[in-house]
Amino acid sequence: MTRKKLIRLVFLLVALGFGVWAVAGRWAQVADGFSRLSWPLLAGSLVAVLAALAAGMLMWRALLADLGSPLPLTGAAKVFFVGQLGKYIPGSLWPVLAQMEMGKDLGVPRSRSATAFFLTYPIYLASGLSVAALTLPVFAGDSVARYAWLLLLLPVLVAGLHPRVVNGVLAFGLRLLRRPPLERPLSRRGVLASAGWAFAGWAAYGVHLWLLVAGLGAAGPRALLLSPGAFALAWCLGFIVVIAPAGAGVREVALVAALAPVLDAGSAVAAALCSRLLVSLGDLVCAGLAGLAARHTDIVPVSADHD
């Protein structure tokens, strides 16, 4: 076994260990909530999570293709999902470092991998806040009024995602790092395609949460229409409040507040905790499936321009 393969094996084992620990460590907290939910609802909710995670991968893949590195679906899934396991390892840079190294084997320059990775977050934030703004004021009302300040970020994010702004910032950053400029600038089409996948992801996350909420007693159209905005608000707030690892605790508080119009406090807490565990489980499932698929598929590098 080469040194590179050994390092990647160690990374994978450590990431999987932390990921399994994250799921198992929350079991006691969510056992009561799960006992109130039927297996078909839980299975449907997990399937919706997998669809949302797949949309996230396709968003990243669209950005990478627009920057000049179109990847086959199997290769993109392996790089994205296995790399994403790094978020369970303490420290914020493991996912991007893993994606940079794995992408390099497929002909993706490191700077291009890093650019696509970091661009996913403002797109997630802008699309997520848009979903929250369209649904929560109508269906949640005063229960989320304390989070209204988040909407001030929306016009800033939308303006900042204009290709001219993004490309200018990227060029400036690469000059500071003394790295060569990007071969292909980000285009409007690339931004719109990735944003489309982001909105699809929020819709799937909404279905995931709605199935949990319905199983805990909140049936009806209001719960269905509230769920995408509630999940999006919780994710965005958890990302912005960086002092909490992966938004731990922060997301749950926001989700409970957003679900207050349709669930009592105890049921809302159960929904929030069950949601977080299912999303963590979805990460592990996607990484496992992507790794298995890649082992049975010959993936040809898209280019040879490593940096």
C-alpha atoms as a PDB file:
ATOM      1  CA  MET A   1       0.000   0.000   0.000  1.00  0.00           C
ATOM      2  CA  THR A   2       1.405   3.399  -0.995  1.00  0.00           C
ATOM      3  CA  ARG A   3       1.750   6.216   1.501  1.00  0.00           C
ATOM      4  CA  LYS A   4      -1.031   8.202  -0.204  1.00  0.00           C
ATOM      5  CA  LYS A   5      -3.449   5.267  -0.015  1.00  0.00           C
ATOM      6  CA  LEU A   6      -2.535   4.694   3.635  1.00  0.00           C
ATOM      7  CA  ILE A   7      -3.214   8.348   4.505  1.00  0.00           C
ATOM      8  CA  ARG A   8      -6.583   8.219   2.749  1.00  0.00           C
ATOM      9  CA  LEU A   9      -7.492   4.967   4.494  1.00  0.00           C
ATOM     10  CA  VAL A  10      -6.658   6.514   7.869  1.00  0.00           C
ATOM     11  CA  PHE A  11      -8.725   9.603   7.000  1.00  0.00           C
ATOM     12  CA  LEU A  12     -11.683   7.451   5.979  1.00  0.00           C
ATOM     13  CA  LEU A  13     -11.517   5.301   9.113  1.00  0.00           C
ATOM     14  CA  VAL A  14     -11.226   8.323  11.400  1.00  0.00           C
ATOM     15  CA  ALA A  15     -14.057  10.149   9.618  1.00  0.00           C
ATOM     16  CA  LEU A  16     -16.270   7.068   9.711  1.00  0.00           C
ATOM     17  CA  GLY A  17     -15.467   6.591  13.383  1.00  0.00           C
ATOM     18  CA  PHE A  18     -16.483  10.139  14.253  1.00  0.00           C
ATOM     19  CA  GLY A  19     -19.550   9.883  12.016  1.00  0.00           C
ATOM     20  CA  VAL A  20     -20.749   6.658  13.649  1.00  0.00           C
ATOM     21  CA  TRP A  21     -20.041   8.167  17.068  1.00  0.00           C
ATOM     22  CA  ALA A  22     -22.113  11.239  16.140  1.00  0.00           C
ATOM     23  CA  VAL A  23     -25.065   9.005  15.243  1.00  0.00           C
ATOM     24  CA  ALA A  24     -24.725   6.615  18.191  1.00  0.00           C
ATOM     25  CA  GLY A  25     -24.086   9.430  20.658  1.00  0.00           C
ATOM     26  CA  ARG A  26     -27.488  10.961  19.948  1.00  0.00           C
ATOM     27  CA  TRP A  27     -29.464   7.740  20.103  1.00  0.00           C
ATOM     28  CA  ALA A  28     -30.451   8.150  23.745  1.00  0.00           C
ATOM     29  CA  GLN A  29     -31.766  11.655  22.993  1.00  0.00           C
ATOM     30  CA  VAL A  30     -33.866  10.595  20.028  1.00  0.00           C
ATOM     31  CA  ALA A  31     -35.052   7.164  21.181  1.00  0.00           C
ATOM     32  CA  ASP A  32     -38.298   8.577  22.537  1.00  0.00           C
ATOM     33  CA  GLY A  33     -38.988  10.490  19.338  1.00  0.00           C
ATOM     34  CA  PHE A  34     -38.262   7.455  17.194  1.00  0.00           C
ATOM     35  CA  SER A  35     -40.579   5.321  19.330  1.00  0.00           C
ATOM     36  CA  ARG A  36     -43.439   7.627  18.312  1.00  0.00           C
ATOM     37  CA  LEU A  37     -42.678   7.355  14.592  1.00  0.00           C
ATOM     38  CA  SER A  38     -43.528   4.468  12.293  1.00  0.00           C
ATOM     39  CA  TRP A  39     -40.843   2.736  10.282  1.00  0.00           C
ATOM     40  CA  PRO A  40     -42.392   3.749   6.935  1.00  0.00           C
ATOM     41  CA  LEU A  41     -42.265   7.420   7.993  1.00  0.00           C
ATOM     42  CA  LEU A  42     -38.655   7.090   9.152  1.00  0.00           C
ATOM     43  CA  ALA A  43     -37.674   5.315   5.944  1.00  0.00           C
ATOM     44  CA  GLY A  44     -39.397   7.965   3.840  1.00  0.00           C
ATOM     45  CA  SER A  45     -37.694  10.721   5.797  1.00  0.00           C
ATOM     46  CA  LEU A  46     -34.283   9.096   5.284  1.00  0.00           C
ATOM     47  CA  VAL A  47     -34.936   8.717   1.550  1.00  0.00           C
ATOM     48  CA  ALA A  48     -35.775  12.433   1.399  1.00  0.00           C
ATOM     49  CA  VAL A  49     -32.487  13.191   3.200  1.00  0.00           C
ATOM     50  CA  LEU A  50     -30.592  11.109   0.636  1.00  0.00           C
ATOM     51  CA  ALA A  51     -32.311  13.062  -2.157  1.00  0.00           C
ATOM     52  CA  ALA A  52     -31.343  16.355  -0.491  1.00  0.00           C
ATOM     53  CA  LEU A  53     -27.718  15.249  -0.108  1.00  0.00           C
ATOM     54  CA  ALA A  54     -27.659  14.136  -3.748  1.00  0.00           C
ATOM     55  CA  ALA A  55     -28.913  17.593  -4.761  1.00  0.00           C
ATOM     56  CA  GLY A  56     -26.054  19.107  -2.745  1.00  0.00           C
ATOM     57  CA  MET A  57     -23.562  16.947  -4.620  1.00  0.00           C
ATOM     58  CA  LEU A  58     -25.082  17.947  -7.961  1.00  0.00           C
ATOM     59  CA  MET A  59     -24.879  21.611  -6.950  1.00  0.00           C
ATOM     60  CA  TRP A  60     -21.146  21.234  -6.242  1.00  0.00           C
ATOM     61  CA  ARG A  61     -20.689  19.234  -9.471  1.00  0.00           C
ATOM     62  CA  ALA A  62     -22.400  21.991 -11.478  1.00  0.00           C
ATOM     63  CA  LEU A  63     -20.032  24.580 -10.011  1.00  0.00           C
ATOM     64  CA  LEU A  64     -17.008  22.412 -10.739  1.00  0.00           C
ATOM     65  CA  ALA A  65     -18.120  21.826 -14.327  1.00  0.00           C
ATOM     66  CA  ASP A  66     -18.680  25.536 -14.863  1.00  0.00           C
ATOM     67  CA  LEU A  67     -15.162  26.216 -13.581  1.00  0.00           C
ATOM     68  CA  GLY A  68     -13.753  23.772 -16.122  1.00  0.00           C
ATOM     69  CA  SER A  69     -13.745  20.325 -14.501  1.00  0.00           C
ATOM     70  CA  PRO A  70     -16.836  18.312 -15.469  1.00  0.00           C
ATOM     71  CA  LEU A  71     -16.804  15.057 -13.511  1.00  0.00           C
ATOM     72  CA  PRO A  72     -18.720  11.858 -14.232  1.00  0.00           C
ATOM     73  CA  LEU A  73     -21.513  11.251 -11.755  1.00  0.00           C
ATOM     74  CA  THR A  74     -19.806   8.355  -9.971  1.00  0.00           C
ATOM     75  CA  GLY A  75     -16.519  10.207  -9.571  1.00  0.00           C
ATOM     76  CA  ALA A  76     -18.227  13.368  -8.357  1.00  0.00           C
ATOM     77  CA  ALA A  77     -20.278  11.391  -5.828  1.00  0.00           C
ATOM     78  CA  LYS A  78     -17.201   9.692  -4.393  1.00  0.00           C
ATOM     79  CA  VAL A  79     -15.187  12.896  -4.055  1.00  0.00           C
ATOM     80  CA  PHE A  80     -18.070  14.870  -2.596  1.00  0.00           C
ATOM     81  CA  PHE A  81     -19.630  12.372  -0.205  1.00  0.00           C
ATOM     82  CA  VAL A  82     -16.458  10.745   1.090  1.00  0.00           C
ATOM     83  CA  GLY A  83     -14.854  14.172   1.448  1.00  0.00           C
ATOM     84  CA  GLN A  84     -17.886  15.456   3.341  1.00  0.00           C
ATOM     85  CA  LEU A  85     -17.279  12.889   6.081  1.00  0.00           C
ATOM     86  CA  GLY A  86     -14.390  15.124   7.110  1.00  0.00           C
ATOM     87  CA  LYS A  87     -16.866  17.503   8.746  1.00  0.00           C
ATOM     88  CA  TYR A  88     -17.256  15.001  11.571  1.00  0.00           C
ATOM     89  CA  ILE A  89     -13.541  15.242  12.397  1.00  0.00           C
ATOM     90  CA  PRO A  90     -12.760  18.171  14.743  1.00  0.00           C
ATOM     91  CA  GLY A  91     -11.474  21.078  12.650  1.00  0.00           C
ATOM     92  CA  SER A  92     -13.158  22.918   9.795  1.00  0.00           C
ATOM     93  CA  LEU A  93     -10.842  22.237   6.857  1.00  0.00           C
ATOM     94  CA  TRP A  94     -10.959  18.457   6.583  1.00  0.00           C
ATOM     95  CA  PRO A  95     -13.778  18.298   4.001  1.00  0.00           C
ATOM     96  CA  VAL A  96     -12.152  20.710   1.569  1.00  0.00           C
ATOM     97  CA  LEU A  97      -8.701  19.152   2.018  1.00  0.00           C
ATOM     98  CA  ALA A  98     -10.130  15.704   1.345  1.00  0.00           C
ATOM     99  CA  GLN A  99     -12.007  16.887  -1.747  1.00  0.00           C
ATOM    100  CA  MET A 100      -8.912  18.661  -3.057  1.00  0.00           C
ATOM    101  CA  GLU A 101      -6.775  15.534  -2.779  1.00  0.00           C
ATOM    102  CA  MET A 102      -9.405  13.142  -4.118  1.00  0.00           C
ATOM    103  CA  GLY A 103     -10.288  15.522  -6.935  1.00  0.00           C
ATOM    104  CA  LYS A 104      -6.645  15.764  -7.929  1.00  0.00           C
ATOM    105  CA  ASP A 105      -6.693  12.078  -8.894  1.00  0.00           C
ATOM    106  CA  LEU A 106      -9.508  12.884 -11.328  1.00  0.00           C
ATOM    107  CA  GLY A 107      -7.667  15.761 -12.956  1.00  0.00           C
ATOM    108  CA  VAL A 108      -9.227  18.590 -10.923  1.00  0.00           C
ATOM    109  CA  PRO A 109      -6.741  21.290  -9.860  1.00  0.00           C
ATOM    110  CA  ARG A 110      -6.712  21.852  -6.110  1.00  0.00           C
ATOM    111  CA  SER A 111      -7.595  25.529  -6.434  1.00  0.00           C
ATOM    112  CA  ARG A 112     -10.650  24.628  -8.523  1.00  0.00           C
ATOM    113  CA  SER A 113     -11.825  22.069  -5.968  1.00  0.00           C
ATOM    114  CA  ALA A 114     -11.423  24.585  -3.162  1.00  0.00           C
ATOM    115  CA  THR A 115     -13.267  27.259  -5.137  1.00  0.00           C
ATOM    116  CA  ALA A 116     -16.246  24.995  -5.813  1.00  0.00           C
ATOM    117  CA  PHE A 117     -16.318  23.868  -2.182  1.00  0.00           C
ATOM    118  CA  PHE A 118     -16.381  27.365  -0.716  1.00  0.00           C
ATOM    119  CA  LEU A 119     -18.896  28.657  -3.276  1.00  0.00           C
ATOM    120  CA  THR A 120     -21.458  26.087  -2.151  1.00  0.00           C
ATOM    121  CA  TYR A 121     -21.936  27.860   1.176  1.00  0.00           C
ATOM    122  CA  PRO A 122     -23.049  31.309   0.008  1.00  0.00           C
ATOM    123  CA  ILE A 123     -25.339  29.589  -2.506  1.00  0.00           C
ATOM    124  CA  TYR A 124     -26.810  27.435   0.246  1.00  0.00           C
ATOM    125  CA  LEU A 125     -27.225  30.502   2.466  1.00  0.00           C
ATOM    126  CA  ALA A 126     -28.842  32.674  -0.215  1.00  0.00           C
ATOM    127  CA  SER A 127     -31.234  29.948  -1.358  1.00  0.00           C
ATOM    128  CA  GLY A 128     -32.008  28.835   2.195  1.00  0.00           C
ATOM    129  CA  LEU A 129     -32.772  32.335   3.410  1.00  0.00           C
ATOM    130  CA  SER A 130     -34.981  32.825   0.345  1.00  0.00           C
ATOM    131  CA  VAL A 131     -36.965  29.708   1.233  1.00  0.00           C
ATOM    132  CA  ALA A 132     -37.265  30.867   4.850  1.00  0.00           C
ATOM    133  CA  ALA A 133     -38.358  34.350   3.796  1.00  0.00           C
ATOM    134  CA  LEU A 134     -41.067  32.960   1.509  1.00  0.00           C
ATOM    135  CA  THR A 135     -42.598  30.585   4.048  1.00  0.00           C
ATOM    136  CA  LEU A 136     -41.896  31.490   7.666  1.00  0.00           C
ATOM    137  CA  PRO A 137     -43.467  34.975   7.905  1.00  0.00           C
ATOM    138  CA  VAL A 138     -46.759  33.498   6.655  1.00  0.00           C
ATOM    139  CA  PHE A 139     -46.783  30.140   8.437  1.00  0.00           C
ATOM    140  CA  ALA A 140     -44.621  30.683  11.555  1.00  0.00           C
ATOM    141  CA  GLY A 141     -45.177  34.370  12.312  1.00  0.00           C
ATOM    142  CA  ASP A 142     -44.038  35.643  15.711  1.00  0.00           C
ATOM    143  CA  SER A 143     -42.358  32.375  16.687  1.00  0.00           C
ATOM    144  CA  VAL A 144     -39.374  33.186  14.438  1.00  0.00           C
ATOM    145  CA  ALA A 145     -39.433  36.986  14.742  1.00  0.00           C
ATOM    146  CA  ARG A 146     -36.168  36.917  16.720  1.00  0.00           C
ATOM    147  CA  TYR A 147     -34.389  35.574  13.627  1.00  0.00           C
ATOM    148  CA  ALA A 148     -35.632  38.278  11.251  1.00  0.00           C
ATOM    149  CA  TRP A 149     -32.167  39.867  11.243  1.00  0.00           C
ATOM    150  CA  LEU A 150     -30.961  36.978   9.079  1.00  0.00           C
ATOM    151  CA  LEU A 151     -32.951  38.354   6.165  1.00  0.00           C
ATOM    152  CA  LEU A 152     -30.638  41.386   6.098  1.00  0.00           C
ATOM    153  CA  LEU A 153     -27.983  39.038   4.727  1.00  0.00           C
ATOM    154  CA  LEU A 154     -30.090  37.974   1.750  1.00  0.00           C
ATOM    155  CA  PRO A 155     -29.578  40.992  -0.555  1.00  0.00           C
ATOM    156  CA  VAL A 156     -25.864  41.008   0.316  1.00  0.00           C
ATOM    157  CA  LEU A 157     -25.541  37.334  -0.590  1.00  0.00           C
ATOM    158  CA  VAL A 158     -27.520  37.678  -3.816  1.00  0.00           C
ATOM    159  CA  ALA A 159     -25.425  40.651  -4.925  1.00  0.00           C
ATOM    160  CA  GLY A 160     -22.237  38.887  -3.895  1.00  0.00           C
ATOM    161  CA  LEU A 161     -23.081  35.857  -6.026  1.00  0.00           C
ATOM    162  CA  HIS A 162     -23.099  37.863  -9.255  1.00  0.00           C
ATOM    163  CA  PRO A 163     -20.385  36.262 -11.415  1.00  0.00           C
ATOM    164  CA  ARG A 164     -18.551  39.562 -11.820  1.00  0.00           C
ATOM    165  CA  VAL A 165     -18.285  39.941  -8.045  1.00  0.00           C
ATOM    166  CA  VAL A 166     -17.396  36.294  -7.429  1.00  0.00           C
ATOM    167  CA  ASN A 167     -14.713  36.245 -10.111  1.00  0.00           C
ATOM    168  CA  GLY A 168     -13.205  39.488  -8.827  1.00  0.00           C
ATOM    169  CA  VAL A 169     -12.997  38.170  -5.272  1.00  0.00           C
ATOM    170  CA  LEU A 170     -11.534  34.857  -6.447  1.00  0.00           C
ATOM    171  CA  ALA A 171      -8.921  36.582  -8.585  1.00  0.00           C
ATOM    172  CA  PHE A 172      -7.913  38.815  -5.672  1.00  0.00           C
ATOM    173  CA  GLY A 173      -7.674  35.859  -3.282  1.00  0.00           C
ATOM    174  CA  LEU A 174      -5.587  33.793  -5.671  1.00  0.00           C
ATOM    175  CA  ARG A 175      -3.209  36.710  -6.179  1.00  0.00           C
ATOM    176  CA  LEU A 176      -2.781  37.025  -2.420  1.00  0.00           C
ATOM    177  CA  LEU A 177      -2.009  33.312  -2.205  1.00  0.00           C
ATOM    178  CA  ARG A 178       0.353  33.614  -5.173  1.00  0.00           C
ATOM    179  CA  ARG A 179      -1.612  31.038  -7.100  1.00  0.00           C
ATOM    180  CA  PRO A 180      -2.370  31.145 -10.836  1.00  0.00           C
ATOM    181  CA  PRO A 181      -5.760  32.574 -11.809  1.00  0.00           C
ATOM    182  CA  LEU A 182      -8.663  30.283 -12.619  1.00  0.00           C
ATOM    183  CA  GLU A 183      -8.612  29.063 -16.209  1.00  0.00           C
ATOM    184  CA  ARG A 184     -12.361  29.586 -16.548  1.00  0.00           C
ATOM    185  CA  PRO A 185     -14.329  32.180 -14.590  1.00  0.00           C
ATOM    186  CA  LEU A 186     -17.655  31.350 -13.019  1.00  0.00           C
ATOM    187  CA  SER A 187     -20.578  32.088 -15.341  1.00  0.00           C
ATOM    188  CA  ARG A 188     -24.152  33.182 -14.699  1.00  0.00           C
ATOM    189  CA  ARG A 189     -25.337  29.853 -16.043  1.00  0.00           C
ATOM    190  CA  GLY A 190     -23.186  28.019 -13.506  1.00  0.00           C
ATOM    191  CA  VAL A 191     -24.553  30.071 -10.622  1.00  0.00           C
ATOM    192  CA  LEU A 192     -28.156  29.530 -11.730  1.00  0.00           C
ATOM    193  CA  ALA A 193     -27.679  25.788 -12.259  1.00  0.00           C
ATOM    194  CA  SER A 194     -26.127  25.335  -8.824  1.00  0.00           C
ATOM    195  CA  ALA A 195     -28.830  27.501  -7.227  1.00  0.00           C
ATOM    196  CA  GLY A 196     -31.472  25.321  -8.869  1.00  0.00           C
ATOM    197  CA  TRP A 197     -29.979  22.219  -7.254  1.00  0.00           C
ATOM    198  CA  ALA A 198     -29.800  24.054  -3.923  1.00  0.00           C
ATOM    199  CA  PHE A 199     -33.540  24.846  -4.045  1.00  0.00           C
ATOM    200  CA  ALA A 200     -34.242  21.204  -4.940  1.00  0.00           C
ATOM    201  CA  GLY A 201     -32.256  20.210  -1.874  1.00  0.00           C
ATOM    202  CA  TRP A 202     -34.276  22.490   0.412  1.00  0.00           C
ATOM    203  CA  ALA A 203     -37.489  21.005  -0.986  1.00  0.00           C
ATOM    204  CA  ALA A 204     -36.239  17.489  -0.196  1.00  0.00           C
ATOM    205  CA  TYR A 205     -35.150  18.530   3.297  1.00  0.00           C
ATOM    206  CA  GLY A 206     -38.628  19.989   3.747  1.00  0.00           C
ATOM    207  CA  VAL A 207     -40.214  16.643   2.867  1.00  0.00           C
ATOM    208  CA  HIS A 208     -37.838  14.921   5.294  1.00  0.00           C
ATOM    209  CA  LEU A 209     -38.865  17.227   8.147  1.00  0.00           C
ATOM    210  CA  TRP A 210     -42.553  17.173   7.246  1.00  0.00           C
ATOM    211  CA  LEU A 211     -42.689  13.374   7.500  1.00  0.00           C
ATOM    212  CA  LEU A 212     -41.238  13.580  11.012  1.00  0.00           C
ATOM    213  CA  VAL A 213     -43.562  16.412  11.992  1.00  0.00           C
ATOM    214  CA  ALA A 214     -46.609  14.588  10.612  1.00  0.00           C
ATOM    215  CA  GLY A 215     -45.678  11.451  12.515  1.00  0.00           C
ATOM    216  CA  LEU A 216     -45.445  13.464  15.723  1.00  0.00           C
ATOM    217  CA  GLY A 217     -48.943  14.851  15.321  1.00  0.00           C
ATOM    218  CA  ALA A 218     -48.808  17.860  12.984  1.00  0.00           C
ATOM    219  CA  ALA A 219     -50.655  16.776   9.864  1.00  0.00           C
ATOM    220  CA  GLY A 220     -52.123  19.159   7.320  1.00  0.00           C
ATOM    221  CA  PRO A 221     -50.963  21.600   4.657  1.00  0.00           C
ATOM    222  CA  ARG A 222     -49.596  24.182   7.118  1.00  0.00           C
ATOM    223  CA  ALA A 223     -47.006  21.751   8.463  1.00  0.00           C
ATOM    224  CA  LEU A 224     -46.039  20.749   4.912  1.00  0.00           C
ATOM    225  CA  LEU A 225     -45.545  24.336   3.770  1.00  0.00           C
ATOM    226  CA  LEU A 226     -43.735  25.319   6.975  1.00  0.00           C
ATOM    227  CA  SER A 227     -41.187  22.492   6.956  1.00  0.00           C
ATOM    228  CA  PRO A 228     -38.817  23.634   4.122  1.00  0.00           C
ATOM    229  CA  GLY A 229     -38.487  27.120   5.606  1.00  0.00           C
ATOM    230  CA  ALA A 230     -38.054  25.753   9.137  1.00  0.00           C
ATOM    231  CA  PHE A 231     -35.225  23.448   8.080  1.00  0.00           C
ATOM    232  CA  ALA A 232     -33.590  26.133   5.927  1.00  0.00           C
ATOM    233  CA  LEU A 233     -33.704  28.671   8.776  1.00  0.00           C
ATOM    234  CA  ALA A 234     -32.173  26.197  11.205  1.00  0.00           C
ATOM    235  CA  TRP A 235     -29.377  25.255   8.790  1.00  0.00           C
ATOM    236  CA  CYS A 236     -28.518  28.867   7.930  1.00  0.00           C
ATOM    237  CA  LEU A 237     -28.453  29.938  11.567  1.00  0.00           C
ATOM    238  CA  GLY A 238     -26.339  26.940  12.524  1.00  0.00           C
ATOM    239  CA  PHE A 239     -23.843  27.752   9.786  1.00  0.00           C
ATOM    240  CA  ILE A 240     -23.592  31.435  10.716  1.00  0.00           C
ATOM    241  CA  VAL A 241     -23.137  30.766  14.436  1.00  0.00           C
ATOM    242  CA  VAL A 242     -19.734  29.188  13.911  1.00  0.00           C
ATOM    243  CA  ILE A 243     -18.953  28.769  17.614  1.00  0.00           C
ATOM    244  CA  ALA A 244     -21.129  25.633  17.592  1.00  0.00           C
ATOM    245  CA  PRO A 245     -19.600  22.618  15.769  1.00  0.00           C
ATOM    246  CA  ALA A 246     -21.777  21.881  12.710  1.00  0.00           C
ATOM    247  CA  GLY A 247     -24.403  24.147  14.237  1.00  0.00           C
ATOM    248  CA  ALA A 248     -24.961  21.759  17.148  1.00  0.00           C
ATOM    249  CA  GLY A 249     -27.641  23.056  19.488  1.00  0.00           C
ATOM    250  CA  VAL A 250     -28.220  26.235  17.493  1.00  0.00           C
ATOM    251  CA  ARG A 251     -30.084  24.453  14.724  1.00  0.00           C
ATOM    252  CA  GLU A 252     -32.290  22.602  17.176  1.00  0.00           C
ATOM    253  CA  VAL A 253     -33.310  25.804  18.999  1.00  0.00           C
ATOM    254  CA  ALA A 254     -34.223  27.520  15.716  1.00  0.00           C
ATOM    255  CA  LEU A 255     -36.087  24.454  14.456  1.00  0.00           C
ATOM    256  CA  VAL A 256     -38.138  24.192  17.647  1.00  0.00           C
ATOM    257  CA  ALA A 257     -39.084  27.876  17.361  1.00  0.00           C
ATOM    258  CA  ALA A 258     -40.067  27.522  13.699  1.00  0.00           C
ATOM    259  CA  LEU A 259     -42.203  24.443  14.424  1.00  0.00           C
ATOM    260  CA  ALA A 260     -43.984  26.051  17.385  1.00  0.00           C
ATOM    261  CA  PRO A 261     -47.152  26.860  15.380  1.00  0.00           C
ATOM    262  CA  VAL A 262     -47.735  23.167  14.581  1.00  0.00           C
ATOM    263  CA  LEU A 263     -46.085  21.191  17.418  1.00  0.00           C
ATOM    264  CA  ASP A 264     -45.815  21.464  21.185  1.00  0.00           C
ATOM    265  CA  ALA A 265     -42.337  22.045  22.604  1.00  0.00           C
ATOM    266  CA  GLY A 266     -41.632  18.400  23.455  1.00  0.00           C
ATOM    267  CA  SER A 267     -42.659  17.105  20.043  1.00  0.00           C
ATOM    268  CA  ALA A 268     -40.710  19.880  18.281  1.00  0.00           C
ATOM    269  CA  VAL A 269     -37.549  18.942  20.204  1.00  0.00           C
ATOM    270  CA  ALA A 270     -38.072  15.291  19.228  1.00  0.00           C
ATOM    271  CA  ALA A 271     -38.471  16.283  15.558  1.00  0.00           C
ATOM    272  CA  ALA A 272     -35.313  18.429  15.666  1.00  0.00           C
ATOM    273  CA  LEU A 273     -33.186  15.695  17.252  1.00  0.00           C
ATOM    274  CA  CYS A 274     -34.529  12.960  14.962  1.00  0.00           C
ATOM    275  CA  SER A 275     -33.843  15.193  11.968  1.00  0.00           C
ATOM    276  CA  ARG A 276     -30.219  15.746  12.930  1.00  0.00           C
ATOM    277  CA  LEU A 277     -29.612  12.031  13.448  1.00  0.00           C
ATOM    278  CA  LEU A 278     -31.194  11.115  10.114  1.00  0.00           C
ATOM    279  CA  VAL A 279     -29.076  13.702   8.294  1.00  0.00           C
ATOM    280  CA  SER A 280     -25.922  12.279   9.918  1.00  0.00           C
ATOM    281  CA  LEU A 281     -27.020   8.774   8.965  1.00  0.00           C
ATOM    282  CA  GLY A 282     -27.646  10.008   5.430  1.00  0.00           C
ATOM    283  CA  ASP A 283     -24.055  11.280   5.212  1.00  0.00           C
ATOM    284  CA  LEU A 284     -22.750   7.828   6.108  1.00  0.00           C
ATOM    285  CA  VAL A 285     -25.087   6.051   3.673  1.00  0.00           C
ATOM    286  CA  CYS A 286     -24.198   8.366   0.776  1.00  0.00           C
ATOM    287  CA  ALA A 287     -20.467   7.993   1.398  1.00  0.00           C
ATOM    288  CA  GLY A 288     -20.791   4.211   1.545  1.00  0.00           C
ATOM    289  CA  LEU A 289     -22.878   3.967  -1.622  1.00  0.00           C
ATOM    290  CA  ALA A 290     -20.622   6.363  -3.524  1.00  0.00           C
ATOM    291  CA  GLY A 291     -17.505   4.457  -2.470  1.00  0.00           C
ATOM    292  CA  LEU A 292     -19.006   1.125  -3.543  1.00  0.00           C
ATOM    293  CA  ALA A 293     -20.152   2.527  -6.878  1.00  0.00           C
ATOM    294  CA  ALA A 294     -16.722   4.016  -7.579  1.00  0.00           C
ATOM    295  CA  ARG A 295     -15.012   0.669  -6.916  1.00  0.00           C
ATOM    296  CA  HIS A 296     -17.057  -0.951  -9.684  1.00  0.00           C
ATOM    297  CA  THR A 297     -16.658   1.867 -12.194  1.00  0.00           C
ATOM    298  CA  ASP A 298     -13.603   2.960 -14.167  1.00  0.00           C
ATOM    299  CA  ILE A 299     -13.326   6.714 -13.654  1.00  0.00           C
ATOM    300  CA  VAL A 300     -11.175   8.492 -16.237  1.00  0.00           C
ATOM    301  CA  PRO A 301      -9.529  11.783 -15.188  1.00  0.00           C
ATOM    302  CA  VAL A 302     -11.104  14.739 -16.945  1.00  0.00           C
ATOM    303  CA  SER A 303      -7.819  16.563 -17.482  1.00  0.00           C
ATOM    304  CA  ALA A 304      -4.203  16.554 -16.474  1.00  0.00           C
ATOM    305  CA  ASP A 305      -3.789  20.157 -15.317  1.00  0.00           C
ATOM    306  CA  HIS A 306      -2.946  19.661 -11.648  1.00  0.00           C
ATOM    307  CA  ASP A 307      -1.659  22.561  -9.570  1.00  0.00           C
END
